[in-house]
Amino acid sequence: MPVRAVRGATQLDVDQREHLLERVSEMVTDVMTSNGLEVDDFISVIFTATSDVVSEFPAYAARQLGFGEVPLICARELEIAGSMPRVVRMMAHIETDLPRADITHVYLHGAAALRSDLSRVRSVPDE
């Protein structure tokens, strides 16, 4: 089975634990739904967060979704002047029969503005 990478990002309204867990769960679930994935399809997931996100580890949200056997890690995003605040990103390595061109990357809320250059993006901006 081919190995692919899929990306996701979401922006938090505030850095509060329950809000972070809700937004990260939404992002992970949307990546799964958009690409027809189950937890067993995931090899590993890297989560990054901007330095203003300190309320919880983003990986904890994935653990609550059943990712107990999937290697997960959290890291800090680079601090670039003018970059978007309160953003959690993910890059998941998956096993899938989908061709690389058919992988759907998911950008939610304010993060929808981050990757308008990708051809297969499920972008859900805030209203």
C-alpha atoms as a PDB file:
ATOM      1  CA  MET A   1       0.000   0.000   0.000  1.00  0.00           C
ATOM      2  CA  PRO A   2       1.391   3.451  -0.890  1.00  0.00           C
ATOM      3  CA  VAL A   3       2.394   5.871   1.852  1.00  0.00           C
ATOM      4  CA  ARG A   4       1.191   9.473   1.488  1.00  0.00           C
ATOM      5  CA  ALA A   5       1.259  12.631   3.591  1.00  0.00           C
ATOM      6  CA  VAL A   6      -1.809  14.729   4.304  1.00  0.00           C
ATOM      7  CA  ARG A   7      -1.842  18.186   5.866  1.00  0.00           C
ATOM      8  CA  GLY A   8      -4.302  20.039   8.026  1.00  0.00           C
ATOM      9  CA  ALA A   9      -4.447  23.304   9.927  1.00  0.00           C
ATOM     10  CA  THR A  10      -6.891  25.144  12.135  1.00  0.00           C
ATOM     11  CA  GLN A  11      -6.908  28.454  13.932  1.00  0.00           C
ATOM     12  CA  LEU A  12      -8.121  28.835  17.492  1.00  0.00           C
ATOM     13  CA  ASP A  13     -10.289  31.764  18.528  1.00  0.00           C
ATOM     14  CA  VAL A  14      -8.687  31.633  21.990  1.00  0.00           C
ATOM     15  CA  ASP A  15      -6.049  29.477  23.620  1.00  0.00           C
ATOM     16  CA  GLN A  16      -8.301  27.536  25.975  1.00  0.00           C
ATOM     17  CA  ARG A  17      -7.963  23.803  26.530  1.00  0.00           C
ATOM     18  CA  GLU A  18     -11.507  22.730  25.604  1.00  0.00           C
ATOM     19  CA  HIS A  19     -11.529  24.987  22.544  1.00  0.00           C
ATOM     20  CA  LEU A  20      -8.178  23.570  21.386  1.00  0.00           C
ATOM     21  CA  LEU A  21      -9.379  19.988  21.861  1.00  0.00           C
ATOM     22  CA  GLU A  22     -12.564  20.757  19.910  1.00  0.00           C
ATOM     23  CA  ARG A  23     -10.751  22.439  16.994  1.00  0.00           C
ATOM     24  CA  VAL A  24      -8.003  19.807  16.726  1.00  0.00           C
ATOM     25  CA  SER A  25     -10.558  16.983  16.888  1.00  0.00           C
ATOM     26  CA  GLU A  26     -12.537  18.716  14.141  1.00  0.00           C
ATOM     27  CA  MET A  27      -9.390  19.004  11.987  1.00  0.00           C
ATOM     28  CA  VAL A  28      -8.325  15.373  12.455  1.00  0.00           C
ATOM     29  CA  THR A  29     -11.859  14.093  11.841  1.00  0.00           C
ATOM     30  CA  ASP A  30     -12.209  16.259   8.726  1.00  0.00           C
ATOM     31  CA  VAL A  31      -8.890  14.948   7.340  1.00  0.00           C
ATOM     32  CA  MET A  32     -10.155  11.404   7.928  1.00  0.00           C
ATOM     33  CA  THR A  33     -13.579  12.015   6.348  1.00  0.00           C
ATOM     34  CA  SER A  34     -12.213  13.951   3.367  1.00  0.00           C
ATOM     35  CA  ASN A  35      -9.797  11.138   2.508  1.00  0.00           C
ATOM     36  CA  GLY A  36     -11.809   8.063   3.520  1.00  0.00           C
ATOM     37  CA  LEU A  37      -9.394   7.194   6.331  1.00  0.00           C
ATOM     38  CA  GLU A  38      -9.662   5.180   9.522  1.00  0.00           C
ATOM     39  CA  VAL A  39      -7.304   5.347  12.493  1.00  0.00           C
ATOM     40  CA  ASP A  40      -5.535   2.171  11.300  1.00  0.00           C
ATOM     41  CA  ASP A  41      -4.530   3.976   8.074  1.00  0.00           C
ATOM     42  CA  PHE A  42      -2.315   6.407  10.025  1.00  0.00           C
ATOM     43  CA  ILE A  43       1.402   5.658  10.375  1.00  0.00           C
ATOM     44  CA  SER A  44       2.289   8.771  12.393  1.00  0.00           C
ATOM     45  CA  VAL A  45       1.166  12.356  12.956  1.00  0.00           C
ATOM     46  CA  ILE A  46       3.242  15.471  13.613  1.00  0.00           C
ATOM     47  CA  PHE A  47       1.380  18.366  15.210  1.00  0.00           C
ATOM     48  CA  THR A  48       2.843  21.859  15.395  1.00  0.00           C
ATOM     49  CA  ALA A  49       1.473  24.876  17.199  1.00  0.00           C
ATOM     50  CA  THR A  50       2.396  28.527  17.223  1.00  0.00           C
ATOM     51  CA  SER A  51       4.115  29.727  20.388  1.00  0.00           C
ATOM     52  CA  ASP A  52       0.925  31.358  21.689  1.00  0.00           C
ATOM     53  CA  VAL A  53      -0.776  27.945  22.035  1.00  0.00           C
ATOM     54  CA  VAL A  54       0.034  26.589  25.503  1.00  0.00           C
ATOM     55  CA  SER A  55      -3.250  25.260  26.931  1.00  0.00           C
ATOM     56  CA  GLU A  56      -2.861  21.582  25.870  1.00  0.00           C
ATOM     57  CA  PHE A  57      -0.890  19.238  23.642  1.00  0.00           C
ATOM     58  CA  PRO A  58      -2.708  18.993  20.282  1.00  0.00           C
ATOM     59  CA  ALA A  59      -1.900  15.275  20.163  1.00  0.00           C
ATOM     60  CA  TYR A  60      -4.141  14.731  23.181  1.00  0.00           C
ATOM     61  CA  ALA A  61      -7.169  15.478  20.979  1.00  0.00           C
ATOM     62  CA  ALA A  62      -6.095  12.704  18.595  1.00  0.00           C
ATOM     63  CA  ARG A  63      -5.615  10.326  21.522  1.00  0.00           C
ATOM     64  CA  GLN A  64      -9.222  10.998  22.520  1.00  0.00           C
ATOM     65  CA  LEU A  65     -10.267  10.006  18.971  1.00  0.00           C
ATOM     66  CA  GLY A  66      -8.657   6.567  19.332  1.00  0.00           C
ATOM     67  CA  PHE A  67      -5.091   7.243  18.129  1.00  0.00           C
ATOM     68  CA  GLY A  68      -3.616   5.357  21.100  1.00  0.00           C
ATOM     69  CA  GLU A  69      -1.392   3.093  18.974  1.00  0.00           C
ATOM     70  CA  VAL A  70      -0.365   5.770  16.433  1.00  0.00           C
ATOM     71  CA  PRO A  71       2.941   7.580  17.086  1.00  0.00           C
ATOM     72  CA  LEU A  72       2.164  11.273  17.652  1.00  0.00           C
ATOM     73  CA  ILE A  73       4.455  14.193  18.406  1.00  0.00           C
ATOM     74  CA  CYS A  74       3.971  17.900  19.064  1.00  0.00           C
ATOM     75  CA  ALA A  75       6.434  20.627  18.098  1.00  0.00           C
ATOM     76  CA  ARG A  76       6.653  24.414  17.911  1.00  0.00           C
ATOM     77  CA  GLU A  77       5.992  26.226  14.672  1.00  0.00           C
ATOM     78  CA  LEU A  78       8.637  28.753  13.571  1.00  0.00           C
ATOM     79  CA  GLU A  79       8.077  32.253  14.911  1.00  0.00           C
ATOM     80  CA  ILE A  80       7.982  34.325  11.740  1.00  0.00           C
ATOM     81  CA  ALA A  81       7.096  38.017  11.980  1.00  0.00           C
ATOM     82  CA  GLY A  82       3.530  38.628  10.842  1.00  0.00           C
ATOM     83  CA  SER A  83       2.528  34.970  10.829  1.00  0.00           C
ATOM     84  CA  MET A  84      -0.988  33.909  11.777  1.00  0.00           C
ATOM     85  CA  PRO A  85      -1.549  33.503  15.545  1.00  0.00           C
ATOM     86  CA  ARG A  86      -3.063  30.523  17.418  1.00  0.00           C
ATOM     87  CA  VAL A  87      -2.578  27.978  14.628  1.00  0.00           C
ATOM     88  CA  VAL A  88      -2.317  24.208  15.050  1.00  0.00           C
ATOM     89  CA  ARG A  89      -1.037  22.261  12.061  1.00  0.00           C
ATOM     90  CA  MET A  90      -0.760  18.560  11.373  1.00  0.00           C
ATOM     91  CA  MET A  91       1.106  16.413   8.882  1.00  0.00           C
ATOM     92  CA  ALA A  92      -0.007  12.807   8.895  1.00  0.00           C
ATOM     93  CA  HIS A  93       1.702   9.914   7.172  1.00  0.00           C
ATOM     94  CA  ILE A  94      -0.932   7.493   5.945  1.00  0.00           C
ATOM     95  CA  GLU A  95      -1.380   4.294   4.003  1.00  0.00           C
ATOM     96  CA  THR A  96      -3.882   4.820   1.207  1.00  0.00           C
ATOM     97  CA  ASP A  97      -4.630   3.783  -2.353  1.00  0.00           C
ATOM     98  CA  LEU A  98      -5.422   7.411  -3.202  1.00  0.00           C
ATOM     99  CA  PRO A  99      -3.018   8.922  -5.737  1.00  0.00           C
ATOM    100  CA  ARG A 100      -1.023  11.837  -4.347  1.00  0.00           C
ATOM    101  CA  ALA A 101      -3.039  14.246  -6.518  1.00  0.00           C
ATOM    102  CA  ASP A 102      -6.294  13.053  -4.892  1.00  0.00           C
ATOM    103  CA  ILE A 103      -5.257  13.648  -1.269  1.00  0.00           C
ATOM    104  CA  THR A 104      -7.439  16.373   0.261  1.00  0.00           C
ATOM    105  CA  HIS A 105      -5.688  18.696   2.700  1.00  0.00           C
ATOM    106  CA  VAL A 106      -7.910  20.423   5.267  1.00  0.00           C
ATOM    107  CA  TYR A 107      -7.621  24.055   6.400  1.00  0.00           C
ATOM    108  CA  LEU A 108     -10.254  25.220   8.855  1.00  0.00           C
ATOM    109  CA  HIS A 109     -11.354  28.555  10.278  1.00  0.00           C
ATOM    110  CA  GLY A 110      -8.745  31.327   9.929  1.00  0.00           C
ATOM    111  CA  ALA A 111      -6.206  28.787   8.681  1.00  0.00           C
ATOM    112  CA  ALA A 112      -8.234  28.493   5.465  1.00  0.00           C
ATOM    113  CA  ALA A 113      -6.180  31.443   4.176  1.00  0.00           C
ATOM    114  CA  LEU A 114      -2.865  29.596   4.548  1.00  0.00           C
ATOM    115  CA  ARG A 115      -2.775  27.348   1.467  1.00  0.00           C
ATOM    116  CA  SER A 116      -4.960  28.669  -1.312  1.00  0.00           C
ATOM    117  CA  ASP A 117      -2.269  27.414  -3.730  1.00  0.00           C
ATOM    118  CA  LEU A 118      -3.092  23.735  -3.232  1.00  0.00           C
ATOM    119  CA  SER A 119      -5.380  22.144  -5.789  1.00  0.00           C
ATOM    120  CA  ARG A 120      -7.097  19.661  -3.422  1.00  0.00           C
ATOM    121  CA  VAL A 121      -7.987  21.584  -0.303  1.00  0.00           C
ATOM    122  CA  ARG A 122     -11.088  21.434   1.821  1.00  0.00           C
ATOM    123  CA  SER A 123     -11.105  24.961   3.133  1.00  0.00           C
ATOM    124  CA  VAL A 124     -13.649  25.962   5.769  1.00  0.00           C
ATOM    125  CA  PRO A 125     -13.270  29.617   6.775  1.00  0.00           C
ATOM    126  CA  ASP A 126     -15.089  31.163   9.704  1.00  0.00           C
ATOM    127  CA  GLU A 127     -18.327  32.888   8.799  1.00  0.00           C
END
